[in-house]
Amino acid sequence: MASPDVWKEFESNEVSHSVAHHLFAIDDLVHRNGYSRVTDVARALKISRGSASLTLKALKNRDLVVEDENKFLKLSDSGQRIIDGIRAKREIVQQFLRDVLGMEPRQAEIDACKVEHLFSLEAAERLLHFLTFAVSDSPVARTFLNAYRNDTDICHDLTRCPVCEDSCLLHIDDAGLSLN
């Protein structure tokens, strides 16, 4: 069990998943079309114009998005810094899931998207360091990855498991995978 206040850290993230995608939509639209409007963001995210407008108003108030006199939107320097960091984290996590854990590219992309804005800079740096080593030409890294990829045994024997203590962290039953 995590310490009592750890769960509250979730709320201390710089941006939510939704906010990150609004910022990404603006950035993508500006790079693709040269401009971005509320309607364009709504269409890109497949949400109502009203919903996009509410979120974008809050982002303008936080100085993450700037709107000019023609109602064109662009990211502020702060907004750009945030999505550049999130984009880097997504790429690190996606490559780790795909190239180290061997996940299918589409599922790796989906899972990386789910967590990209939640990772701390420290976690991203450490994961990148591990990833850089794991995919390097180092004989130790190659041996490790080969051993990992060839080990298909998912242990459920608590006497042999160096990770689980009182109960198996992953319990597989007829209904599928469920966490204990």
Protein backbone atom coordinates (compact mmCIF):
# COMPACT_ATOMS: atom_id res chain seq x y z
CA MET A 1 0.00 0.00 0.00
CA ALA A 2 1.32 3.44 -0.95
CA SER A 3 1.74 6.02 1.74
CA PRO A 4 -1.51 7.91 2.44
CA ASP A 5 -0.68 11.10 0.52
CA VAL A 6 0.96 9.57 -2.57
CA TRP A 7 -2.33 9.31 -4.47
CA LYS A 8 -2.74 13.08 -4.21
CA GLU A 9 0.37 13.57 -6.35
CA PHE A 10 -1.72 12.61 -9.39
CA GLU A 11 -3.41 16.01 -9.12
CA SER A 12 -0.10 17.86 -9.05
CA ASN A 13 0.63 17.19 -12.72
CA GLU A 14 1.24 20.24 -14.83
CA VAL A 15 -1.56 19.33 -17.23
CA SER A 16 -4.29 16.73 -17.55
CA HIS A 17 -4.56 14.22 -20.37
CA SER A 18 -7.27 16.33 -22.02
CA VAL A 19 -5.26 19.55 -21.75
CA ALA A 20 -2.22 17.86 -23.26
CA HIS A 21 -4.28 16.80 -26.28
CA HIS A 22 -5.70 20.30 -26.72
CA LEU A 23 -2.15 21.67 -26.74
CA PHE A 24 -1.01 18.96 -29.16
CA ALA A 25 -3.94 19.71 -31.47
CA ILE A 26 -3.03 23.39 -31.64
CA ASP A 27 0.62 22.60 -32.29
CA ASP A 28 -0.21 20.02 -34.97
CA LEU A 29 -2.72 22.32 -36.69
CA VAL A 30 -0.32 25.27 -36.75
CA HIS A 31 2.43 23.11 -38.21
CA ARG A 32 0.12 21.52 -40.77
CA ASN A 33 -2.07 24.48 -41.79
CA GLY A 34 -0.20 27.53 -40.54
CA TYR A 35 -3.08 28.40 -38.19
CA SER A 36 -5.43 26.97 -35.61
CA ARG A 37 -8.90 28.05 -34.52
CA VAL A 38 -11.29 26.76 -31.87
CA THR A 39 -13.32 25.01 -34.57
CA ASP A 40 -10.22 23.31 -35.91
CA VAL A 41 -9.22 22.08 -32.45
CA ALA A 42 -12.73 20.74 -31.82
CA ARG A 43 -12.74 18.93 -35.15
CA ALA A 44 -9.24 17.49 -34.59
CA LEU A 45 -10.21 16.18 -31.15
CA LYS A 46 -13.69 15.09 -32.26
CA ILE A 47 -15.37 17.10 -29.50
CA SER A 48 -17.95 19.88 -29.54
CA ARG A 49 -16.90 23.43 -30.28
CA GLY A 50 -18.31 24.45 -26.88
CA SER A 51 -16.18 21.91 -25.05
CA ALA A 52 -13.06 22.98 -26.92
CA SER A 53 -13.87 26.63 -26.27
CA LEU A 54 -14.16 26.08 -22.50
CA THR A 55 -10.84 24.26 -22.27
CA LEU A 56 -9.09 26.75 -24.54
CA LYS A 57 -10.37 29.66 -22.46
CA ALA A 58 -8.79 28.09 -19.38
CA LEU A 59 -5.55 27.51 -21.29
CA LYS A 60 -5.48 31.15 -22.38
CA ASN A 61 -6.01 32.18 -18.74
CA ARG A 62 -3.04 30.00 -17.76
CA ASP A 63 -0.96 31.64 -20.49
CA LEU A 64 -0.40 28.34 -22.29
CA VAL A 65 -2.29 29.42 -25.41
CA VAL A 66 -2.31 32.79 -27.15
CA GLU A 67 -5.12 34.07 -29.37
CA ASP A 68 -4.52 36.90 -31.83
CA GLU A 69 -6.97 39.51 -33.11
CA ASN A 70 -8.07 37.14 -35.90
CA LYS A 71 -8.98 34.42 -33.34
CA PHE A 72 -6.03 32.30 -34.42
CA LEU A 73 -4.53 30.20 -31.64
CA LYS A 74 -0.92 29.31 -30.99
CA LEU A 75 1.00 27.94 -28.07
CA SER A 76 2.81 30.32 -25.76
CA ASP A 77 6.43 29.55 -24.92
CA SER A 78 5.19 27.81 -21.75
CA GLY A 79 2.64 25.77 -23.71
CA GLN A 80 5.28 24.78 -26.25
CA ARG A 81 7.69 23.77 -23.47
CA ILE A 82 5.02 21.57 -21.90
CA ILE A 83 4.12 19.68 -25.07
CA ASP A 84 7.74 19.30 -26.10
CA GLY A 85 8.37 17.61 -22.75
CA ILE A 86 5.27 15.44 -23.03
CA ARG A 87 6.12 14.49 -26.61
CA ALA A 88 9.61 13.42 -25.53
CA LYS A 89 8.18 11.35 -22.67
CA ARG A 90 5.71 9.71 -25.05
CA GLU A 91 8.47 8.75 -27.45
CA ILE A 92 10.63 7.35 -24.63
CA VAL A 93 7.78 5.28 -23.17
CA GLN A 94 6.57 4.13 -26.58
CA GLN A 95 10.03 3.00 -27.64
CA PHE A 96 10.55 1.22 -24.30
CA LEU A 97 7.25 -0.63 -24.59
CA ARG A 98 7.86 -1.54 -28.21
CA ASP A 99 11.61 -2.17 -28.40
CA VAL A 100 12.36 -3.50 -24.93
CA LEU A 101 9.14 -5.10 -23.74
CA GLY A 102 8.21 -6.24 -27.25
CA MET A 103 4.70 -4.80 -27.34
CA GLU A 104 2.88 -4.36 -30.63
CA PRO A 105 3.48 -0.82 -31.98
CA ARG A 106 -0.19 0.24 -31.84
CA GLN A 107 -0.66 -0.89 -28.22
CA ALA A 108 2.67 0.72 -27.26
CA GLU A 109 1.42 3.99 -28.78
CA ILE A 110 -1.89 3.77 -26.90
CA ASP A 111 -0.27 2.98 -23.56
CA ALA A 112 2.41 5.66 -23.99
CA CYS A 113 -0.33 8.20 -24.71
CA LYS A 114 -2.08 7.22 -21.48
CA VAL A 115 0.95 7.96 -19.29
CA GLU A 116 3.01 10.53 -21.18
CA HIS A 117 1.87 13.51 -19.11
CA LEU A 118 2.09 11.64 -15.79
CA PHE A 119 5.80 10.77 -15.77
CA SER A 120 8.15 13.01 -13.82
CA LEU A 121 11.23 14.38 -15.53
CA GLU A 122 13.34 12.14 -13.28
CA ALA A 123 11.41 9.02 -14.31
CA ALA A 124 11.70 9.98 -17.99
CA GLU A 125 15.44 10.59 -17.69
CA ARG A 126 16.00 7.26 -15.92
CA LEU A 127 13.83 5.36 -18.39
CA LEU A 128 15.70 7.00 -21.28
CA HIS A 129 19.01 6.02 -19.70
CA PHE A 130 17.81 2.42 -19.34
CA LEU A 131 16.38 2.41 -22.87
CA THR A 132 19.59 3.81 -24.33
CA PHE A 133 21.54 1.00 -22.68
CA ALA A 134 18.99 -1.70 -23.49
CA VAL A 135 18.97 -0.99 -27.24
CA SER A 136 22.70 -0.33 -27.48
CA ASP A 137 25.25 -2.65 -29.07
CA SER A 138 26.64 -3.54 -25.64
CA PRO A 139 27.11 -7.31 -25.35
CA VAL A 140 25.68 -7.16 -21.83
CA ALA A 141 22.55 -5.37 -23.11
CA ARG A 142 22.17 -7.84 -26.00
CA THR A 143 22.49 -10.79 -23.61
CA PHE A 144 19.98 -9.26 -21.21
CA LEU A 145 17.39 -8.52 -23.94
CA ASN A 146 17.78 -11.95 -25.48
CA ALA A 147 17.35 -13.61 -22.08
CA TYR A 148 14.31 -11.43 -21.34
CA ARG A 149 12.69 -12.08 -24.72
CA ASN A 150 13.27 -15.82 -24.46
CA ASP A 151 11.86 -16.05 -20.93
CA THR A 152 8.15 -16.59 -21.51
CA ASP A 153 7.46 -18.05 -18.08
CA ILE A 154 5.20 -15.78 -16.05
CA CYS A 155 5.76 -17.04 -12.55
CA HIS A 156 2.94 -17.42 -10.06
CA ASP A 157 5.05 -19.28 -7.52
CA LEU A 158 5.62 -16.98 -4.56
CA THR A 159 8.49 -19.14 -3.30
CA ARG A 160 10.48 -18.45 -6.50
CA CYS A 161 9.43 -14.88 -7.28
CA PRO A 162 11.92 -12.14 -6.36
CA VAL A 163 9.23 -9.44 -6.81
CA CYS A 164 5.99 -10.62 -5.22
CA GLU A 165 5.83 -11.02 -1.46
CA ASP A 166 2.46 -12.00 0.04
CA SER A 167 0.52 -12.58 -3.15
CA CYS A 168 1.12 -12.61 -6.87
CA LEU A 169 1.00 -9.04 -8.20
CA LEU A 170 -0.54 -10.30 -11.43
CA HIS A 171 -3.26 -12.85 -11.01
CA ILE A 172 -4.51 -14.46 -14.19
CA ASP A 173 -7.90 -16.11 -14.06
CA ASP A 174 -10.57 -17.15 -16.56
CA ALA A 175 -11.87 -13.58 -16.79
CA GLY A 176 -8.45 -12.28 -17.90
CA LEU A 177 -5.77 -10.30 -16.16
CA SER A 178 -6.68 -8.69 -12.87
CA LEU A 179 -4.54 -6.94 -10.31
CA ASN A 180 -4.66 -8.26 -6.75
